[in-house]
Amino acid sequence: MRQKEAIKVKKRNFFRLHSEICKTLANPKRQEILDNLRQKDKTVNQLVKKTGISQANLSQHLAILRTNGIVSTHRKGINVYYSISNPKIIKAFDLISEVLEEALASQSKTIKAAINRKT
């Protein structure tokens, strides 16, 4: 019985951590930031130019992403560059995008079928 309780506690802790990562990624601005970092590391100024997000707001989002281990930083001279900390983050991002695309295609088919159906 104690072993089962210990397993439940470990699973709950895992689910809590998993949820935190998902919550971190469940923000459209953070998704845009990640999409801009997928190919190349960028500075805050570069990200401001690419996204149009204010520097203050962008810095807040980057801090959240960094705290949760999604992005990391490295310094080159006076510039601090942000990068994706684990390439699997982009794989997960792309997989969710594929799921969304498939769901929207299915919904589109349902709508077209309903519109074209004669009553």
Protein backbone atom coordinates (compact mmCIF):
# COMPACT_ATOMS: atom_id res chain seq x y z
CA MET A 1 0.00 0.00 0.00
CA ARG A 2 2.80 2.44 0.81
CA GLN A 3 4.51 1.72 -2.50
CA LYS A 4 1.28 2.46 -4.38
CA GLU A 5 0.92 5.77 -2.54
CA ALA A 6 4.53 6.67 -3.34
CA ILE A 7 3.88 5.96 -7.02
CA LYS A 8 0.74 8.13 -6.93
CA VAL A 9 2.69 10.99 -5.38
CA LYS A 10 5.44 10.67 -8.00
CA LYS A 11 2.85 10.66 -10.79
CA ARG A 12 1.11 13.70 -9.33
CA ASN A 13 4.44 15.52 -9.14
CA PHE A 14 5.17 14.54 -12.74
CA PHE A 15 1.74 15.75 -13.89
CA ARG A 16 2.25 19.04 -12.05
CA LEU A 17 5.61 19.59 -13.77
CA HIS A 18 4.16 18.54 -17.13
CA SER A 19 1.30 20.98 -16.64
CA GLU A 20 3.74 23.81 -15.89
CA ILE A 21 5.57 23.22 -19.17
CA CYS A 22 2.27 23.08 -21.07
CA LYS A 23 1.06 26.29 -19.40
CA THR A 24 4.31 27.97 -20.33
CA LEU A 25 3.82 27.01 -23.97
CA ALA A 26 0.09 27.86 -23.97
CA ASN A 27 0.63 31.54 -24.65
CA PRO A 28 0.45 32.91 -28.21
CA LYS A 29 3.27 35.42 -27.67
CA ARG A 30 5.56 32.73 -26.27
CA GLN A 31 4.71 30.50 -29.21
CA GLU A 32 5.64 33.33 -31.56
CA ILE A 33 8.93 33.79 -29.71
CA LEU A 34 9.71 30.08 -30.01
CA ASP A 35 8.83 30.09 -33.69
CA ASN A 36 11.29 32.94 -34.20
CA LEU A 37 14.02 31.07 -32.34
CA ARG A 38 13.58 27.78 -34.20
CA GLN A 39 16.24 28.47 -36.85
CA LYS A 40 18.63 30.89 -35.21
CA ASP A 41 19.52 32.34 -31.81
CA LYS A 42 18.40 35.94 -31.40
CA THR A 43 18.88 38.90 -29.09
CA VAL A 44 16.00 40.69 -27.40
CA ASN A 45 16.31 43.53 -29.92
CA GLN A 46 16.11 41.10 -32.85
CA LEU A 47 13.05 39.44 -31.31
CA VAL A 48 11.38 42.83 -30.76
CA LYS A 49 11.87 43.64 -34.45
CA LYS A 50 10.61 40.21 -35.60
CA THR A 51 7.58 39.97 -33.30
CA GLY A 52 6.55 43.57 -32.65
CA ILE A 53 6.21 42.71 -28.95
CA SER A 54 7.40 45.55 -26.72
CA GLN A 55 10.79 45.03 -25.14
CA ALA A 56 9.35 45.06 -21.61
CA ASN A 57 6.68 42.49 -22.45
CA LEU A 58 9.11 40.36 -24.46
CA SER A 59 11.57 40.32 -21.56
CA GLN A 60 8.82 39.08 -19.24
CA HIS A 61 7.94 36.24 -21.62
CA LEU A 62 11.59 35.32 -22.10
CA ALA A 63 12.06 35.21 -18.32
CA ILE A 64 9.14 32.78 -18.00
CA LEU A 65 10.49 30.63 -20.84
CA ARG A 66 13.95 30.65 -19.27
CA THR A 67 12.70 29.87 -15.75
CA ASN A 68 10.85 26.84 -17.11
CA GLY A 69 13.86 25.63 -19.09
CA ILE A 70 12.39 26.27 -22.54
CA VAL A 71 15.02 28.78 -23.64
CA SER A 72 18.59 29.38 -22.58
CA THR A 73 20.99 32.27 -23.04
CA HIS A 74 24.58 32.74 -24.04
CA ARG A 75 26.67 35.85 -24.36
CA LYS A 76 28.64 36.97 -27.43
CA GLY A 77 30.48 40.17 -26.65
CA ILE A 78 27.94 42.62 -25.24
CA ASN A 79 24.94 40.75 -26.69
CA VAL A 80 22.87 38.12 -24.92
CA TYR A 81 21.39 35.57 -27.30
CA TYR A 82 18.34 33.43 -26.62
CA SER A 83 18.01 29.94 -28.01
CA ILE A 84 15.75 26.92 -27.68
CA SER A 85 17.18 24.84 -24.83
CA ASN A 86 16.07 21.49 -26.26
CA PRO A 87 15.23 20.83 -29.92
CA LYS A 88 12.43 18.51 -28.80
CA ILE A 89 10.48 21.63 -27.83
CA ILE A 90 10.22 22.51 -31.53
CA LYS A 91 9.28 18.92 -32.36
CA ALA A 92 6.46 19.13 -29.79
CA PHE A 93 5.41 22.54 -31.16
CA ASP A 94 5.30 21.12 -34.70
CA LEU A 95 3.42 18.00 -33.60
CA ILE A 96 0.74 20.12 -31.93
CA SER A 97 0.55 22.20 -35.11
CA GLU A 98 -0.06 19.02 -37.13
CA VAL A 99 -2.81 17.94 -34.73
CA LEU A 100 -4.41 21.38 -35.10
CA GLU A 101 -4.17 21.22 -38.89
CA GLU A 102 -5.82 17.78 -38.96
CA ALA A 103 -8.57 18.88 -36.58
CA LEU A 104 -9.30 21.97 -38.67
CA ALA A 105 -9.37 19.89 -41.87
CA SER A 106 -11.86 17.53 -40.27
CA GLN A 107 -14.04 20.43 -39.11
CA SER A 108 -13.87 21.96 -42.58
CA LYS A 109 -15.08 18.68 -44.13
CA THR A 110 -17.96 18.52 -41.64
CA ILE A 111 -18.98 22.10 -42.42
CA LYS A 112 -18.77 21.55 -46.20
CA ALA A 113 -20.82 18.37 -45.90
CA ALA A 114 -23.46 20.21 -43.87
CA ILE A 115 -23.63 23.12 -46.33
CA ASN A 116 -23.84 20.87 -49.36
CA ARG A 117 -26.47 18.59 -47.84
CA LYS A 118 -29.91 19.20 -49.23
CA THR A 119 -32.73 19.12 -46.75
